[in-house]
Amino acid sequence: MLETQAIVISLEGNEAVVEALDNGGCGKCSSEGGCGSGKLSQLFCSTPRRFRVRNDGDAKVGAAVQVSLAEGALLHSALLMYVLPLLLMLAGALLAAYWAAADNADAYSALGAVLGLGLGFLLAKMLSLRKRMLSVCRLVICPR
């Protein structure tokens, strides 16, 4: 499981809004062998990271909690959000080039790529909302 420490900021029904205590990365940014990804995240994300999580532990506002994400959920989400749109973009370009006339194949291919990419993003959004509704890839507050 991927885990981080957080503070509960507010409660909304069975969910809590939490603010992550760490600033990204694995915590080895100050060591010599660290990659520095935490410093990079500080550069692009100056505001504190806040997440809406399921509050199964009945945490109160101000409580320090541990937030967890299932092991394969991050990889699955990355594949859904990046690979699916790219595959549909390539498929759209290839199909449009196949059906197009020989003199306008490039224009049709570009149009097919844009339409495929748009369809891929729309499909990824719909699938991610469905997963969120089913609570498959949700962050949860774990007991300490």
N, C-alpha and C. Protein backbone atom coordinates (compact mmCIF):
# COMPACT_ATOMS: atom_id res chain seq x y z
N MET A 1 0.84 -1.19 0.00
CA MET A 1 0.00 0.00 0.00
C MET A 1 0.88 1.24 0.00
N LEU A 2 0.39 2.28 -0.68
CA LEU A 2 1.04 3.58 -0.65
C LEU A 2 0.39 4.37 0.47
N GLU A 3 1.20 4.93 1.35
CA GLU A 3 0.67 5.61 2.53
C GLU A 3 1.34 6.96 2.73
N THR A 4 0.60 7.89 3.34
CA THR A 4 1.15 9.19 3.71
C THR A 4 0.43 9.67 4.98
N GLN A 5 1.09 10.54 5.70
CA GLN A 5 0.50 11.14 6.89
C GLN A 5 -0.25 12.40 6.50
N ALA A 6 -1.36 12.67 7.17
CA ALA A 6 -2.18 13.83 6.84
C ALA A 6 -2.92 14.31 8.07
N ILE A 7 -3.48 15.52 7.95
CA ILE A 7 -4.31 16.14 9.00
C ILE A 7 -5.71 16.34 8.42
N VAL A 8 -6.74 16.01 9.18
CA VAL A 8 -8.12 16.20 8.73
C VAL A 8 -8.45 17.69 8.81
N ILE A 9 -8.85 18.26 7.68
CA ILE A 9 -9.19 19.68 7.60
C ILE A 9 -10.68 19.91 7.82
N SER A 10 -11.51 19.08 7.17
CA SER A 10 -12.97 19.23 7.32
C SER A 10 -13.63 17.89 7.07
N LEU A 11 -14.88 17.79 7.51
CA LEU A 11 -15.69 16.58 7.33
C LEU A 11 -16.90 16.91 6.46
N GLU A 12 -17.21 16.01 5.53
CA GLU A 12 -18.36 16.18 4.66
C GLU A 12 -19.05 14.83 4.53
N GLY A 13 -20.00 14.56 5.39
CA GLY A 13 -20.68 13.27 5.38
C GLY A 13 -19.74 12.15 5.81
N ASN A 14 -19.63 11.12 4.97
CA ASN A 14 -18.75 9.99 5.27
C ASN A 14 -17.34 10.21 4.72
N GLU A 15 -17.05 11.42 4.26
CA GLU A 15 -15.75 11.74 3.70
C GLU A 15 -15.08 12.84 4.50
N ALA A 16 -13.75 12.85 4.42
CA ALA A 16 -12.96 13.88 5.09
C ALA A 16 -12.04 14.52 4.08
N VAL A 17 -11.82 15.81 4.23
CA VAL A 17 -10.82 16.51 3.42
C VAL A 17 -9.56 16.56 4.28
N VAL A 18 -8.47 15.98 3.75
CA VAL A 18 -7.21 15.92 4.49
C VAL A 18 -6.13 16.68 3.75
N GLU A 19 -5.15 17.16 4.51
CA GLU A 19 -4.01 17.86 3.94
C GLU A 19 -2.76 17.05 4.26
N ALA A 20 -2.03 16.69 3.21
CA ALA A 20 -0.83 15.86 3.38
C ALA A 20 0.24 16.64 4.13
N LEU A 21 0.92 15.95 5.06
CA LEU A 21 1.97 16.59 5.85
C LEU A 21 3.30 16.64 5.13
N ASP A 22 3.60 15.61 4.33
CA ASP A 22 4.88 15.64 3.62
C ASP A 22 4.74 16.47 2.36
N ASN A 23 5.88 16.81 1.76
CA ASN A 23 5.86 17.68 0.60
C ASN A 23 6.21 16.94 -0.68
N GLY A 24 5.85 15.68 -0.77
CA GLY A 24 6.06 14.93 -2.01
C GLY A 24 7.38 14.20 -2.00
N GLY A 25 7.49 13.22 -2.86
CA GLY A 25 8.72 12.46 -2.94
C GLY A 25 8.76 11.38 -1.86
N CYS A 26 9.90 10.72 -1.77
CA CYS A 26 10.04 9.60 -0.86
C CYS A 26 10.69 9.98 0.46
N GLY A 27 11.11 11.21 0.63
CA GLY A 27 11.75 11.63 1.86
C GLY A 27 13.26 11.56 1.81
N LYS A 28 13.86 11.20 0.68
CA LYS A 28 15.31 11.12 0.56
C LYS A 28 15.88 12.29 -0.25
N CYS A 29 15.15 13.38 -0.35
CA CYS A 29 15.61 14.50 -1.16
C CYS A 29 16.87 15.14 -0.58
N SER A 30 16.99 15.12 0.73
CA SER A 30 18.15 15.76 1.34
C SER A 30 19.38 14.87 1.30
N SER A 31 19.21 13.55 1.06
CA SER A 31 20.36 12.66 1.02
C SER A 31 21.04 12.72 -0.34
N GLU A 32 22.26 12.25 -0.39
CA GLU A 32 23.05 12.35 -1.61
C GLU A 32 22.51 11.48 -2.73
N GLY A 33 21.94 10.32 -2.42
CA GLY A 33 21.46 9.41 -3.45
C GLY A 33 20.03 9.67 -3.88
N GLY A 34 19.37 10.68 -3.32
CA GLY A 34 17.97 10.94 -3.67
C GLY A 34 17.82 11.55 -5.05
N CYS A 35 16.67 11.33 -5.67
CA CYS A 35 16.45 11.81 -7.03
C CYS A 35 15.98 13.26 -7.07
N GLY A 36 15.43 13.76 -5.97
CA GLY A 36 14.99 15.15 -5.93
C GLY A 36 13.59 15.39 -6.43
N SER A 37 12.78 14.34 -6.58
CA SER A 37 11.42 14.54 -7.10
C SER A 37 10.57 15.35 -6.13
N GLY A 38 10.87 15.28 -4.84
CA GLY A 38 10.14 16.09 -3.87
C GLY A 38 10.39 17.58 -4.07
N LYS A 39 11.61 17.93 -4.41
CA LYS A 39 11.93 19.33 -4.70
C LYS A 39 11.22 19.79 -5.96
N LEU A 40 11.11 18.90 -6.94
CA LEU A 40 10.39 19.22 -8.16
C LEU A 40 8.91 19.43 -7.89
N SER A 41 8.33 18.61 -7.02
CA SER A 41 6.91 18.78 -6.69
C SER A 41 6.68 20.07 -5.92
N GLN A 42 7.64 20.50 -5.10
CA GLN A 42 7.51 21.77 -4.40
C GLN A 42 7.52 22.94 -5.38
N LEU A 43 8.29 22.80 -6.46
CA LEU A 43 8.37 23.85 -7.46
C LEU A 43 7.03 24.06 -8.16
N PHE A 44 6.33 22.96 -8.50
CA PHE A 44 5.09 23.05 -9.26
C PHE A 44 3.84 23.04 -8.39
N CYS A 45 3.97 22.71 -7.13
CA CYS A 45 2.81 22.62 -6.25
C CYS A 45 3.11 23.37 -4.96
N SER A 46 2.92 24.68 -4.98
CA SER A 46 3.27 25.50 -3.81
C SER A 46 2.18 25.46 -2.74
N THR A 47 0.95 25.16 -3.12
CA THR A 47 -0.13 25.07 -2.14
C THR A 47 -0.14 23.68 -1.51
N PRO A 48 -0.62 23.56 -0.29
CA PRO A 48 -0.67 22.23 0.34
C PRO A 48 -1.58 21.29 -0.45
N ARG A 49 -1.19 20.01 -0.49
CA ARG A 49 -1.99 19.02 -1.21
C ARG A 49 -3.15 18.57 -0.33
N ARG A 50 -4.36 18.70 -0.86
CA ARG A 50 -5.57 18.30 -0.14
C ARG A 50 -6.30 17.24 -0.95
N PHE A 51 -6.84 16.27 -0.22
CA PHE A 51 -7.53 15.14 -0.84
C PHE A 51 -8.84 14.88 -0.11
N ARG A 52 -9.81 14.39 -0.87
CA ARG A 52 -11.07 13.93 -0.28
C ARG A 52 -10.94 12.42 -0.12
N VAL A 53 -11.10 11.94 1.10
CA VAL A 53 -10.91 10.51 1.39
C VAL A 53 -12.12 9.96 2.13
N ARG A 54 -12.30 8.66 2.01
CA ARG A 54 -13.36 7.98 2.75
C ARG A 54 -12.96 7.93 4.21
N ASN A 55 -13.87 8.30 5.10
CA ASN A 55 -13.57 8.40 6.53
C ASN A 55 -14.17 7.21 7.27
N ASP A 56 -13.64 6.02 7.01
CA ASP A 56 -14.14 4.82 7.69
C ASP A 56 -13.69 4.78 9.15
N GLY A 57 -12.58 5.45 9.47
CA GLY A 57 -12.06 5.45 10.83
C GLY A 57 -12.73 6.45 11.74
N ASP A 58 -13.73 7.20 11.23
CA ASP A 58 -14.46 8.21 12.01
C ASP A 58 -13.51 9.23 12.63
N ALA A 59 -12.56 9.72 11.84
CA ALA A 59 -11.61 10.73 12.32
C ALA A 59 -12.30 12.08 12.48
N LYS A 60 -11.82 12.85 13.43
CA LYS A 60 -12.36 14.18 13.71
C LYS A 60 -11.47 15.25 13.09
N VAL A 61 -12.01 16.47 12.97
CA VAL A 61 -11.23 17.59 12.42
C VAL A 61 -10.02 17.84 13.30
N GLY A 62 -8.86 17.99 12.67
CA GLY A 62 -7.61 18.24 13.38
C GLY A 62 -6.84 16.98 13.73
N ALA A 63 -7.42 15.81 13.49
CA ALA A 63 -6.76 14.56 13.83
C ALA A 63 -5.66 14.25 12.82
N ALA A 64 -4.54 13.71 13.31
CA ALA A 64 -3.48 13.22 12.44
C ALA A 64 -3.83 11.80 12.02
N VAL A 65 -3.87 11.55 10.72
CA VAL A 65 -4.30 10.26 10.20
C VAL A 65 -3.28 9.74 9.19
N GLN A 66 -3.41 8.48 8.87
CA GLN A 66 -2.62 7.86 7.82
C GLN A 66 -3.55 7.54 6.66
N VAL A 67 -3.24 8.03 5.47
CA VAL A 67 -4.07 7.83 4.29
C VAL A 67 -3.40 6.80 3.39
N SER A 68 -4.18 5.82 2.92
CA SER A 68 -3.62 4.72 2.13
C SER A 68 -4.32 4.59 0.79
N LEU A 69 -3.55 4.10 -0.19
CA LEU A 69 -4.05 3.80 -1.52
C LEU A 69 -3.60 2.39 -1.85
N ALA A 70 -4.50 1.58 -2.38
CA ALA A 70 -4.18 0.19 -2.72
C ALA A 70 -3.01 0.14 -3.70
N GLU A 71 -2.23 -0.93 -3.62
CA GLU A 71 -0.97 -1.04 -4.36
C GLU A 71 -1.11 -0.86 -5.86
N GLY A 72 -2.02 -1.53 -6.52
CA GLY A 72 -2.12 -1.46 -7.97
C GLY A 72 -2.95 -0.31 -8.49
N ALA A 73 -3.57 0.44 -7.61
CA ALA A 73 -4.49 1.49 -8.04
C ALA A 73 -3.78 2.62 -8.77
N LEU A 74 -2.59 2.98 -8.34
CA LEU A 74 -1.86 4.07 -8.98
C LEU A 74 -1.45 3.69 -10.40
N LEU A 75 -0.93 2.50 -10.59
CA LEU A 75 -0.54 2.03 -11.92
C LEU A 75 -1.76 1.91 -12.83
N HIS A 76 -2.83 1.37 -12.30
CA HIS A 76 -4.06 1.23 -13.09
C HIS A 76 -4.59 2.59 -13.53
N SER A 77 -4.58 3.56 -12.64
CA SER A 77 -5.06 4.90 -12.98
C SER A 77 -4.16 5.56 -14.02
N ALA A 78 -2.85 5.38 -13.90
CA ALA A 78 -1.93 5.96 -14.87
C ALA A 78 -2.15 5.36 -16.26
N LEU A 79 -2.34 4.05 -16.31
CA LEU A 79 -2.62 3.41 -17.59
C LEU A 79 -3.93 3.92 -18.19
N LEU A 80 -4.93 4.07 -17.35
CA LEU A 80 -6.23 4.54 -17.81
C LEU A 80 -6.14 5.97 -18.35
N MET A 81 -5.44 6.85 -17.64
CA MET A 81 -5.43 8.26 -18.01
C MET A 81 -4.43 8.61 -19.11
N TYR A 82 -3.38 7.81 -19.31
CA TYR A 82 -2.37 8.12 -20.31
C TYR A 82 -2.40 7.17 -21.51
N VAL A 83 -2.41 5.88 -21.26
CA VAL A 83 -2.28 4.92 -22.35
C VAL A 83 -3.55 4.82 -23.17
N LEU A 84 -4.71 4.80 -22.54
CA LEU A 84 -5.96 4.68 -23.29
C LEU A 84 -6.15 5.82 -24.29
N PRO A 85 -5.99 7.10 -23.91
CA PRO A 85 -6.12 8.17 -24.91
C PRO A 85 -5.08 8.09 -26.03
N LEU A 86 -3.85 7.69 -25.70
CA LEU A 86 -2.83 7.58 -26.74
C LEU A 86 -3.14 6.46 -27.73
N LEU A 87 -3.62 5.33 -27.23
CA LEU A 87 -3.99 4.24 -28.12
C LEU A 87 -5.15 4.63 -29.03
N LEU A 88 -6.14 5.32 -28.48
CA LEU A 88 -7.27 5.75 -29.31
C LEU A 88 -6.86 6.83 -30.29
N MET A 89 -5.87 7.66 -29.92
CA MET A 89 -5.36 8.66 -30.86
C MET A 89 -4.70 7.97 -32.05
N LEU A 90 -3.86 6.97 -31.78
CA LEU A 90 -3.21 6.24 -32.87
C LEU A 90 -4.22 5.48 -33.72
N ALA A 91 -5.19 4.86 -33.07
CA ALA A 91 -6.22 4.13 -33.81
C ALA A 91 -7.03 5.09 -34.69
N GLY A 92 -7.37 6.26 -34.16
CA GLY A 92 -8.11 7.24 -34.95
C GLY A 92 -7.32 7.73 -36.15
N ALA A 93 -6.03 7.96 -35.96
CA ALA A 93 -5.19 8.41 -37.07
C ALA A 93 -5.06 7.32 -38.13
N LEU A 94 -4.86 6.08 -37.71
CA LEU A 94 -4.72 4.98 -38.68
C LEU A 94 -6.02 4.72 -39.44
N LEU A 95 -7.13 4.73 -38.71
CA LEU A 95 -8.42 4.50 -39.39
C LEU A 95 -8.75 5.62 -40.36
N ALA A 96 -8.51 6.85 -39.96
CA ALA A 96 -8.80 7.98 -40.85
C ALA A 96 -7.89 7.96 -42.07
N ALA A 97 -6.63 7.61 -41.89
CA ALA A 97 -5.72 7.52 -43.04
C ALA A 97 -6.12 6.38 -43.97
N TYR A 98 -6.62 5.31 -43.42
CA TYR A 98 -7.05 4.16 -44.23
C TYR A 98 -8.27 4.50 -45.09
N TRP A 99 -9.22 5.25 -44.48
CA TRP A 99 -10.45 5.59 -45.19
C TRP A 99 -10.32 6.82 -46.08
N ALA A 100 -9.27 7.59 -45.89
CA ALA A 100 -9.15 8.86 -46.61
C ALA A 100 -8.69 8.64 -48.04
N ALA A 101 -8.93 9.66 -48.84
CA ALA A 101 -8.41 9.65 -50.21
C ALA A 101 -6.90 9.86 -50.15
N ALA A 102 -6.20 9.41 -51.17
CA ALA A 102 -4.73 9.45 -51.17
C ALA A 102 -4.18 10.87 -51.09
N ASP A 103 -4.85 11.84 -51.68
CA ASP A 103 -4.32 13.20 -51.69
C ASP A 103 -4.54 13.95 -50.37
N ASN A 104 -5.52 13.58 -49.57
CA ASN A 104 -5.79 14.27 -48.30
C ASN A 104 -5.56 13.37 -47.08
N ALA A 105 -4.76 12.35 -47.21
CA ALA A 105 -4.58 11.38 -46.11
C ALA A 105 -3.99 12.03 -44.86
N ASP A 106 -3.08 12.99 -45.02
CA ASP A 106 -2.47 13.62 -43.85
C ASP A 106 -3.48 14.44 -43.05
N ALA A 107 -4.32 15.18 -43.75
CA ALA A 107 -5.32 16.00 -43.06
C ALA A 107 -6.34 15.12 -42.33
N TYR A 108 -6.80 14.06 -43.01
CA TYR A 108 -7.74 13.15 -42.37
C TYR A 108 -7.10 12.41 -41.20
N SER A 109 -5.84 12.07 -41.36
CA SER A 109 -5.13 11.38 -40.29
C SER A 109 -5.00 12.28 -39.06
N ALA A 110 -4.69 13.56 -39.27
CA ALA A 110 -4.60 14.50 -38.15
C ALA A 110 -5.96 14.68 -37.48
N LEU A 111 -7.01 14.80 -38.28
CA LEU A 111 -8.35 14.93 -37.72
C LEU A 111 -8.75 13.67 -36.95
N GLY A 112 -8.44 12.50 -37.51
CA GLY A 112 -8.73 11.25 -36.81
C GLY A 112 -7.96 11.13 -35.50
N ALA A 113 -6.72 11.61 -35.48
CA ALA A 113 -5.91 11.58 -34.25
C ALA A 113 -6.53 12.47 -33.18
N VAL A 114 -6.96 13.66 -33.57
CA VAL A 114 -7.58 14.58 -32.60
C VAL A 114 -8.88 14.00 -32.08
N LEU A 115 -9.70 13.44 -32.97
CA LEU A 115 -10.96 12.85 -32.53
C LEU A 115 -10.72 11.63 -31.64
N GLY A 116 -9.75 10.80 -31.99
CA GLY A 116 -9.43 9.64 -31.16
C GLY A 116 -8.91 10.04 -29.79
N LEU A 117 -8.07 11.06 -29.74
CA LEU A 117 -7.55 11.55 -28.46
C LEU A 117 -8.68 12.11 -27.59
N GLY A 118 -9.56 12.89 -28.21
CA GLY A 118 -10.71 13.42 -27.46
C GLY A 118 -11.61 12.32 -26.93
N LEU A 119 -11.87 11.32 -27.77
CA LEU A 119 -12.67 10.17 -27.33
C LEU A 119 -11.96 9.41 -26.21
N GLY A 120 -10.64 9.29 -26.30
CA GLY A 120 -9.87 8.61 -25.26
C GLY A 120 -9.96 9.33 -23.93
N PHE A 121 -9.83 10.66 -23.95
CA PHE A 121 -9.95 11.42 -22.70
C PHE A 121 -11.36 11.32 -22.12
N LEU A 122 -12.37 11.39 -22.99
CA LEU A 122 -13.75 11.27 -22.53
C LEU A 122 -14.01 9.89 -21.92
N LEU A 123 -13.54 8.86 -22.58
CA LEU A 123 -13.70 7.50 -22.07
C LEU A 123 -12.94 7.30 -20.76
N ALA A 124 -11.74 7.84 -20.66
CA ALA A 124 -10.96 7.74 -19.43
C ALA A 124 -11.67 8.47 -18.28
N LYS A 125 -12.25 9.61 -18.57
CA LYS A 125 -12.99 10.36 -17.55
C LYS A 125 -14.21 9.57 -17.08
N MET A 126 -14.94 8.98 -18.02
CA MET A 126 -16.13 8.21 -17.65
C MET A 126 -15.75 6.99 -16.82
N LEU A 127 -14.69 6.29 -17.22
CA LEU A 127 -14.26 5.11 -16.47
C LEU A 127 -13.73 5.48 -15.09
N SER A 128 -13.02 6.60 -14.98
CA SER A 128 -12.51 7.00 -13.66
C SER A 128 -13.65 7.42 -12.74
N LEU A 129 -14.68 8.07 -13.28
CA LEU A 129 -15.83 8.42 -12.45
C LEU A 129 -16.57 7.18 -12.00
N ARG A 130 -16.67 6.19 -12.87
CA ARG A 130 -17.34 4.94 -12.51
C ARG A 130 -16.57 4.23 -11.40
N LYS A 131 -15.26 4.21 -11.51
CA LYS A 131 -14.43 3.58 -10.48
C LYS A 131 -14.55 4.34 -9.16
N ARG A 132 -14.60 5.66 -9.24
CA ARG A 132 -14.74 6.46 -8.02
C ARG A 132 -16.07 6.18 -7.35
N MET A 133 -17.11 6.01 -8.16
CA MET A 133 -18.42 5.71 -7.60
C MET A 133 -18.42 4.33 -6.94
N LEU A 134 -17.65 3.38 -7.51
CA LEU A 134 -17.58 2.04 -6.95
C LEU A 134 -16.55 1.93 -5.83
N SER A 135 -15.83 2.98 -5.55
CA SER A 135 -14.80 3.04 -4.50
C SER A 135 -13.69 2.02 -4.71
N VAL A 136 -13.33 1.79 -5.97
CA VAL A 136 -12.25 0.85 -6.26
C VAL A 136 -10.89 1.48 -6.02
N CYS A 137 -10.69 2.69 -6.48
CA CYS A 137 -9.40 3.37 -6.39
C CYS A 137 -9.47 4.58 -5.46
N ARG A 138 -10.09 4.44 -4.33
CA ARG A 138 -10.26 5.56 -3.42
C ARG A 138 -9.20 5.54 -2.33
N LEU A 139 -8.81 6.72 -1.92
CA LEU A 139 -7.97 6.87 -0.75
C LEU A 139 -8.83 6.60 0.49
N VAL A 140 -8.26 5.96 1.50
CA VAL A 140 -8.99 5.70 2.73
C VAL A 140 -8.12 6.05 3.92
N ILE A 141 -8.77 6.45 5.01
CA ILE A 141 -8.08 6.71 6.27
C ILE A 141 -7.92 5.37 7.00
N CYS A 142 -6.68 5.04 7.32
CA CYS A 142 -6.38 3.78 8.01
C CYS A 142 -6.18 4.04 9.49
N PRO A 143 -6.56 3.11 10.34
CA PRO A 143 -6.26 3.25 11.76
C PRO A 143 -4.76 3.11 11.98
N ARG A 144 -4.24 3.85 12.95
CA ARG A 144 -2.80 3.83 13.23
C ARG A 144 -2.44 2.69 14.11
